[in-house]
Amino acid sequence: MKKRNRFCIVTLLAALLFPLLSGCAAYQQERERKLALTIAVISTEIQATTMAGWTATPTVTPLPTATSMIISSPTPTIEPTIASSPTPDMRLPAEQWRQWPIVPEISDNSATIYRRGVEEFKTNPNVFSKIGDCQSMPNVFMGIYDQDIAGILSDEDQEYQKAIDYFKGSFELESYAVHDGMSVGSVLTTTWSDPKVCQQGETALDCEIRIHNPSIMFVNLGTNWINTLGMDVYYDYMVEIVEKLIDHGILPVLSSKADDVEGGHQINQVTAQVAYEYDIPFYNFWNAAQYLRNHGLSTDNPIYLSVGAWDYRNYYALQVLYAIGIKLDLF
């Protein structure tokens, strides 16, 4: 439950109690004493609960009615058993992906995938990798954070240094699942595997998983998709990638793209749908790009990011890593 909702509950309880207090003068002295005592107990419980912090699914005890607080009865009351209900899903649906935040809130399910990978599959907790085309190569995506550049973070952003230190070496890592022209389908084939390091019959994705053993994988795909194949096929490929990563204990971080080569941003919506269904992080770079000149795209070839947009993409991707680290108490 969000903090503001918790505050509203406390405020509502106080509002319900106030009229009871104002009417106390009309009752006999003994009943007034009992009413005041009951209210004091409830108010104390509210304050104690607020100070201690609420649980994820708090149980709110119903307020006694005015009659039950004033008239004492020797008959014992039996509190009814209240069936627990599942925590409501407060996430926006995939159709509203444009409104999703740039940096996602990391779910409990995502934390479980990461921990399971480290504990059961022995993934490297300090290594993240990438799947993508030339725009996911280290000189474009994230590599700058392994170069020890003084002043790369502002004074306000020094907390993100924890993520840089924890994942040091991963930023300039050259992924075998990154290649010029890589698509959501080609990463699942052996055609794009590097024959110098990949085993016979090993896909580019399998090769990267085996060699670098990452615990987190950025999935930056979509620009090179052949739109005539349809979004259903794209969805199936993306699901296959996500399930393979999860089956290996790797947390996928799906990214939206700034371009719209397919029209209608269909790929971003499909990607958001997969992220929603598997409850995994969705790095919404498209959202950030809306505030950049030409929406972060090159004026010469709008399927590519402008050089000026690289830093913004890297900056928010670093925040995603930081959010994962905070959720998992990695640093």
Protein backbone atom coordinates (compact mmCIF):
# COMPACT_ATOMS: atom_id res chain seq x y z
CA MET A 1 0.00 0.00 0.00
CA LYS A 2 1.33 3.42 -0.93
CA LYS A 3 2.26 5.83 1.85
CA ARG A 4 -0.31 8.37 0.75
CA ASN A 5 -3.05 5.73 0.98
CA ARG A 6 -1.92 4.81 4.47
CA PHE A 7 -2.07 8.47 5.47
CA CYS A 8 -5.59 8.73 4.06
CA ILE A 9 -6.72 5.79 6.20
CA VAL A 10 -5.34 7.40 9.34
CA THR A 11 -6.99 10.71 8.42
CA LEU A 12 -10.30 8.95 7.78
CA LEU A 13 -10.20 7.25 11.15
CA ALA A 14 -9.56 10.57 12.85
CA ALA A 15 -12.45 12.17 10.96
CA LEU A 16 -14.80 9.42 12.07
CA LEU A 17 -13.76 9.79 15.67
CA PHE A 18 -14.16 13.58 15.85
CA PRO A 19 -17.98 13.71 15.80
CA LEU A 20 -18.07 11.05 18.47
CA LEU A 21 -15.92 13.22 20.68
CA SER A 22 -18.01 16.34 20.11
CA GLY A 23 -21.17 14.52 21.17
CA CYS A 24 -19.79 13.18 24.43
CA ALA A 25 -21.25 16.04 26.52
CA ALA A 26 -24.76 14.73 25.93
CA TYR A 27 -24.11 11.43 27.61
CA GLN A 28 -23.96 10.57 31.27
CA GLN A 29 -20.62 10.95 32.99
CA GLU A 30 -19.90 7.22 33.17
CA ARG A 31 -20.66 6.63 29.50
CA GLU A 32 -18.58 9.68 28.60
CA ARG A 33 -15.65 8.22 30.50
CA LYS A 34 -15.96 4.89 28.66
CA LEU A 35 -16.20 6.64 25.29
CA ALA A 36 -13.15 8.80 25.97
CA LEU A 37 -11.20 5.75 27.10
CA THR A 38 -12.10 3.81 23.95
CA ILE A 39 -11.13 6.71 21.69
CA ALA A 40 -7.86 7.15 23.52
CA VAL A 41 -7.02 3.48 22.97
CA ILE A 42 -7.85 3.66 19.25
CA SER A 43 -5.92 6.90 18.78
CA THR A 44 -2.90 5.37 20.50
CA GLU A 45 -3.07 2.34 18.22
CA ILE A 46 -3.29 4.54 15.12
CA GLN A 47 -0.28 6.58 16.18
CA ALA A 48 1.73 3.50 17.08
CA THR A 49 0.90 1.84 13.76
CA THR A 50 1.83 4.94 11.80
CA MET A 51 5.15 5.35 13.59
CA ALA A 52 6.09 1.69 13.30
CA GLY A 53 5.27 1.48 9.59
CA TRP A 54 2.50 -0.49 7.93
CA THR A 55 2.83 -4.00 6.58
CA ALA A 56 2.39 -4.68 2.87
CA THR A 57 -1.20 -5.88 3.41
CA PRO A 58 -2.34 -4.26 6.65
CA THR A 59 -5.51 -5.38 8.36
CA VAL A 60 -7.60 -2.45 9.56
CA THR A 61 -9.75 -3.24 12.58
CA PRO A 62 -13.29 -1.88 12.04
CA LEU A 63 -14.18 1.04 14.31
CA PRO A 64 -16.71 0.24 17.04
CA THR A 65 -20.12 1.81 16.54
CA ALA A 66 -21.32 4.52 18.90
CA THR A 67 -23.72 2.05 20.57
CA SER A 68 -21.07 -0.60 21.14
CA MET A 69 -18.73 1.97 22.68
CA ILE A 70 -21.34 3.40 25.06
CA ILE A 71 -23.39 0.42 26.17
CA SER A 72 -21.47 -2.35 27.88
CA SER A 73 -22.76 -5.88 27.53
CA PRO A 74 -21.83 -8.96 29.53
CA THR A 75 -22.30 -11.12 26.45
CA PRO A 76 -18.91 -11.94 24.93
CA THR A 77 -18.47 -10.88 21.32
CA ILE A 78 -16.95 -13.18 18.74
CA GLU A 79 -15.00 -11.43 16.03
CA PRO A 80 -15.86 -12.75 12.58
CA THR A 81 -13.11 -14.34 10.54
CA ILE A 82 -12.21 -12.03 7.68
CA ALA A 83 -11.02 -13.82 4.58
CA SER A 84 -7.79 -12.39 3.25
CA SER A 85 -7.90 -10.98 -0.26
CA PRO A 86 -5.02 -10.78 -2.73
CA THR A 87 -3.11 -7.53 -2.92
CA PRO A 88 -4.64 -5.49 -5.75
CA ASP A 89 -2.46 -4.95 -8.81
CA MET A 90 -1.91 -1.19 -8.94
CA ARG A 91 0.21 -1.25 -12.10
CA LEU A 92 -0.94 0.59 -15.18
CA PRO A 93 -1.81 -1.82 -18.03
CA ALA A 94 0.55 -2.25 -20.95
CA GLU A 95 -1.74 -0.18 -23.15
CA GLN A 96 -0.75 2.80 -21.02
CA TRP A 97 2.99 2.17 -21.27
CA ARG A 98 3.60 5.78 -22.29
CA GLN A 99 2.64 6.76 -18.76
CA TRP A 100 4.96 4.24 -17.14
CA PRO A 101 7.94 5.80 -15.32
CA ILE A 102 11.35 6.00 -16.92
CA VAL A 103 12.93 4.05 -14.06
CA PRO A 104 10.67 1.21 -12.96
CA GLU A 105 9.80 0.19 -9.45
CA ILE A 106 11.52 -3.14 -8.87
CA SER A 107 9.01 -5.83 -7.94
CA ASP A 108 9.36 -8.64 -5.43
CA ASN A 109 9.18 -11.07 -8.33
CA SER A 110 12.19 -9.40 -9.97
CA ALA A 111 14.13 -9.66 -6.73
CA THR A 112 13.24 -13.35 -6.52
CA ILE A 113 14.53 -14.00 -10.05
CA TYR A 114 17.84 -12.31 -9.23
CA ARG A 115 18.30 -14.11 -5.90
CA ARG A 116 17.38 -17.46 -7.37
CA GLY A 117 19.94 -16.96 -10.11
CA VAL A 118 22.73 -16.10 -7.71
CA GLU A 119 21.89 -18.82 -5.19
CA GLU A 120 20.83 -21.71 -7.43
CA PHE A 121 22.38 -21.03 -10.83
CA LYS A 122 25.48 -19.28 -9.49
CA THR A 123 25.08 -16.29 -11.77
CA ASN A 124 27.61 -13.55 -11.14
CA PRO A 125 25.89 -10.98 -8.89
CA ASN A 126 28.26 -8.22 -10.07
CA VAL A 127 27.77 -8.71 -13.80
CA PHE A 128 25.05 -7.37 -16.07
CA SER A 129 24.99 -7.75 -19.82
CA LYS A 130 23.02 -6.60 -22.87
CA ILE A 131 21.14 -7.90 -25.87
CA GLY A 132 20.90 -5.47 -28.76
CA ASP A 133 22.24 -3.97 -31.95
CA CYS A 134 25.06 -1.48 -32.49
CA GLN A 135 23.32 0.98 -30.15
CA SER A 136 24.03 -1.42 -27.28
CA MET A 137 27.77 -1.57 -27.86
CA PRO A 138 29.87 -0.21 -24.96
CA ASN A 139 30.89 2.98 -26.75
CA VAL A 140 27.19 3.89 -27.01
CA PHE A 141 25.52 2.14 -24.08
CA MET A 142 26.90 2.35 -20.54
CA GLY A 143 30.60 1.86 -21.32
CA ILE A 144 31.40 5.36 -20.09
CA TYR A 145 30.86 4.30 -16.47
CA ASP A 146 33.87 1.98 -16.57
CA GLN A 147 36.24 4.76 -17.64
CA ASP A 148 36.76 6.41 -14.24
CA ILE A 149 35.95 9.87 -15.59
CA ALA A 150 36.17 12.51 -12.90
CA GLY A 151 32.96 14.41 -12.33
CA ILE A 152 30.82 12.04 -14.36
CA LEU A 153 28.20 12.23 -11.61
CA SER A 154 26.89 15.48 -10.19
CA ASP A 155 26.95 16.12 -6.46
CA GLU A 156 23.24 15.23 -6.32
CA ASP A 157 23.86 11.90 -8.07
CA GLN A 158 26.75 10.59 -5.99
CA GLU A 159 24.57 7.78 -4.63
CA TYR A 160 24.67 6.15 -8.08
CA GLN A 161 28.40 5.60 -7.62
CA LYS A 162 27.40 2.56 -5.57
CA ALA A 163 25.98 0.95 -8.70
CA ILE A 164 29.08 1.88 -10.73
CA ASP A 165 31.34 0.30 -8.12
CA TYR A 166 29.21 -2.81 -7.67
CA PHE A 167 28.91 -3.59 -11.38
CA LYS A 168 32.41 -2.39 -12.29
CA GLY A 169 33.68 -4.15 -15.39
CA SER A 170 30.21 -4.83 -16.78
CA PHE A 171 29.77 -1.43 -18.38
CA GLU A 172 32.48 -2.00 -20.99
CA LEU A 173 31.73 -5.71 -21.30
CA GLU A 174 31.38 -6.73 -24.95
CA SER A 175 28.33 -8.94 -25.10
CA TYR A 176 28.15 -11.80 -27.60
CA ALA A 177 24.43 -11.04 -27.85
CA VAL A 178 25.13 -7.55 -29.23
CA HIS A 179 25.76 -7.15 -32.94
CA ASP A 180 25.12 -4.61 -35.65
CA GLY A 181 21.61 -5.37 -36.95
CA MET A 182 20.69 -7.75 -34.12
CA SER A 183 16.97 -8.37 -33.80
CA VAL A 184 14.62 -10.17 -31.45
CA GLY A 185 14.73 -13.20 -33.75
CA SER A 186 18.38 -13.30 -34.76
CA VAL A 187 19.67 -13.44 -31.18
CA LEU A 188 17.92 -16.81 -30.91
CA THR A 189 19.72 -18.29 -33.92
CA THR A 190 23.18 -19.78 -34.38
CA THR A 191 23.76 -17.63 -37.47
CA TRP A 192 24.70 -14.65 -35.31
CA SER A 193 26.95 -16.57 -32.92
CA ASP A 194 30.64 -15.71 -32.87
CA PRO A 195 32.37 -18.88 -34.16
CA LYS A 196 35.58 -17.92 -32.34
CA VAL A 197 34.07 -18.36 -28.89
CA CYS A 198 30.62 -19.89 -29.23
CA GLN A 199 30.11 -23.62 -29.25
CA GLN A 200 28.64 -25.49 -32.19
CA GLY A 201 24.86 -25.19 -32.22
CA GLU A 202 24.92 -22.41 -29.61
CA THR A 203 22.76 -19.33 -30.19
CA ALA A 204 24.16 -15.86 -29.63
CA LEU A 205 22.08 -15.58 -26.46
CA ASP A 206 23.14 -18.97 -25.10
CA CYS A 207 26.74 -18.10 -25.87
CA GLU A 208 26.54 -14.85 -23.91
CA ILE A 209 24.86 -16.54 -20.95
CA ARG A 210 27.55 -19.23 -20.80
CA ILE A 211 30.57 -16.97 -21.19
CA HIS A 212 29.71 -13.95 -19.04
CA ASN A 213 27.18 -15.58 -16.68
CA PRO A 214 25.30 -12.32 -15.94
CA SER A 215 22.68 -11.88 -13.24
CA ILE A 216 20.93 -9.02 -15.10
CA MET A 217 20.32 -8.59 -18.82
CA PHE A 218 19.24 -5.40 -20.59
CA VAL A 219 17.12 -6.32 -23.61
CA ASN A 220 17.40 -3.41 -26.07
CA LEU A 221 15.66 -4.65 -29.20
CA GLY A 222 13.06 -3.67 -31.78
CA THR A 223 14.66 -1.24 -34.21
CA ASN A 224 15.67 -3.95 -36.69
CA TRP A 225 12.39 -5.84 -36.68
CA ILE A 226 10.84 -6.64 -40.07
CA ASN A 227 7.37 -5.24 -39.52
CA THR A 228 5.71 -7.45 -42.15
CA LEU A 229 6.23 -10.44 -39.85
CA GLY A 230 3.67 -9.01 -37.45
CA MET A 231 3.53 -8.16 -33.77
CA ASP A 232 2.36 -11.63 -32.76
CA VAL A 233 5.64 -13.08 -33.99
CA TYR A 234 7.59 -10.33 -32.24
CA TYR A 235 5.73 -11.10 -29.01
CA ASP A 236 6.57 -14.81 -29.30
CA TYR A 237 10.26 -14.10 -29.80
CA MET A 238 10.36 -11.68 -26.88
CA VAL A 239 8.64 -14.20 -24.63
CA GLU A 240 11.16 -16.85 -25.68
CA ILE A 241 14.04 -14.55 -24.75
CA VAL A 242 12.52 -13.61 -21.41
CA GLU A 243 11.71 -17.19 -20.47
CA LYS A 244 15.20 -18.37 -21.40
CA LEU A 245 16.75 -15.67 -19.22
CA ILE A 246 14.48 -16.39 -16.27
CA ASP A 247 15.09 -20.14 -16.65
CA HIS A 248 18.80 -19.38 -16.23
CA GLY A 249 18.19 -17.17 -13.19
CA ILE A 250 18.87 -13.93 -15.07
CA LEU A 251 16.71 -10.87 -14.44
CA PRO A 252 15.61 -9.36 -17.78
CA VAL A 253 15.30 -5.58 -18.03
CA LEU A 254 13.21 -4.79 -21.09
CA SER A 255 13.73 -1.39 -22.71
CA SER A 256 11.46 0.79 -24.80
CA LYS A 257 13.02 2.44 -27.83
CA ALA A 258 12.94 6.03 -28.99
CA ASP A 259 12.27 5.36 -32.67
CA ASP A 260 8.98 4.34 -34.26
CA VAL A 261 10.08 2.60 -37.44
CA GLU A 262 7.13 0.20 -37.27
CA GLY A 263 4.47 2.89 -36.75
CA GLY A 264 2.24 3.40 -33.75
CA HIS A 265 4.97 2.35 -31.32
CA GLN A 266 3.60 -1.18 -31.52
CA ILE A 267 6.90 -2.75 -30.48
CA ASN A 268 7.10 -0.70 -27.30
CA GLN A 269 3.59 -1.79 -26.37
CA VAL A 270 4.38 -5.45 -27.02
CA THR A 271 7.57 -5.14 -24.98
CA ALA A 272 5.62 -3.50 -22.17
CA GLN A 273 3.05 -6.29 -22.34
CA VAL A 274 5.74 -8.93 -21.85
CA ALA A 275 7.28 -6.96 -18.99
CA TYR A 276 3.83 -6.68 -17.39
CA GLU A 277 3.00 -10.36 -17.78
CA TYR A 278 6.30 -11.53 -16.31
CA ASP A 279 6.45 -8.73 -13.72
CA ILE A 280 9.96 -7.69 -14.69
CA PRO A 281 11.54 -4.22 -15.07
CA PHE A 282 10.60 -2.05 -18.06
CA TYR A 283 13.14 0.70 -18.67
CA ASN A 284 11.00 3.31 -20.42
CA PHE A 285 13.63 5.27 -22.30
CA TRP A 286 10.98 6.37 -24.79
CA ASN A 287 9.49 8.45 -21.98
CA ALA A 288 12.82 10.19 -21.34
CA ALA A 289 13.39 10.78 -25.06
CA GLN A 290 10.22 12.86 -25.31
CA TYR A 291 12.04 15.67 -23.52
CA LEU A 292 15.04 15.62 -25.88
CA ARG A 293 15.59 17.45 -29.14
CA ASN A 294 13.97 15.50 -31.99
CA HIS A 295 12.91 12.98 -29.32
CA GLY A 296 16.51 11.83 -28.99
CA LEU A 297 16.79 10.70 -32.61
CA SER A 298 19.37 11.54 -35.24
CA THR A 299 18.16 14.06 -37.81
CA ASP A 300 20.15 12.26 -40.51
CA ASN A 301 18.79 8.78 -39.81
CA PRO A 302 15.93 8.69 -37.30
CA ILE A 303 16.27 5.00 -36.50
CA TYR A 304 19.43 5.87 -34.55
CA LEU A 305 19.81 7.86 -31.37
CA SER A 306 21.55 11.20 -31.56
CA VAL A 307 24.93 11.33 -29.87
CA GLY A 308 23.48 13.77 -27.36
CA ALA A 309 20.84 11.22 -26.35
CA TRP A 310 23.42 8.59 -25.42
CA ASP A 311 24.23 10.19 -22.10
CA TYR A 312 20.56 10.42 -21.13
CA ARG A 313 20.00 6.78 -21.99
CA ASN A 314 23.06 5.78 -20.00
CA TYR A 315 22.12 7.98 -17.06
CA TYR A 316 18.67 6.47 -16.62
CA ALA A 317 19.94 2.93 -17.25
CA LEU A 318 22.38 3.50 -14.38
CA GLN A 319 19.42 4.49 -12.23
CA VAL A 320 17.72 1.21 -13.14
CA LEU A 321 20.76 -0.70 -11.89
CA TYR A 322 20.76 1.42 -8.75
CA ALA A 323 17.07 0.68 -8.17
CA ILE A 324 17.73 -3.04 -8.50
CA GLY A 325 20.64 -2.77 -6.07
CA ILE A 326 18.55 -0.89 -3.52
CA LYS A 327 15.70 -3.40 -3.78
CA LEU A 328 18.09 -6.30 -3.22
CA ASP A 329 20.34 -4.60 -0.64
CA LEU A 330 23.35 -5.15 -2.89
CA PHE A 331 25.12 -2.06 -1.60
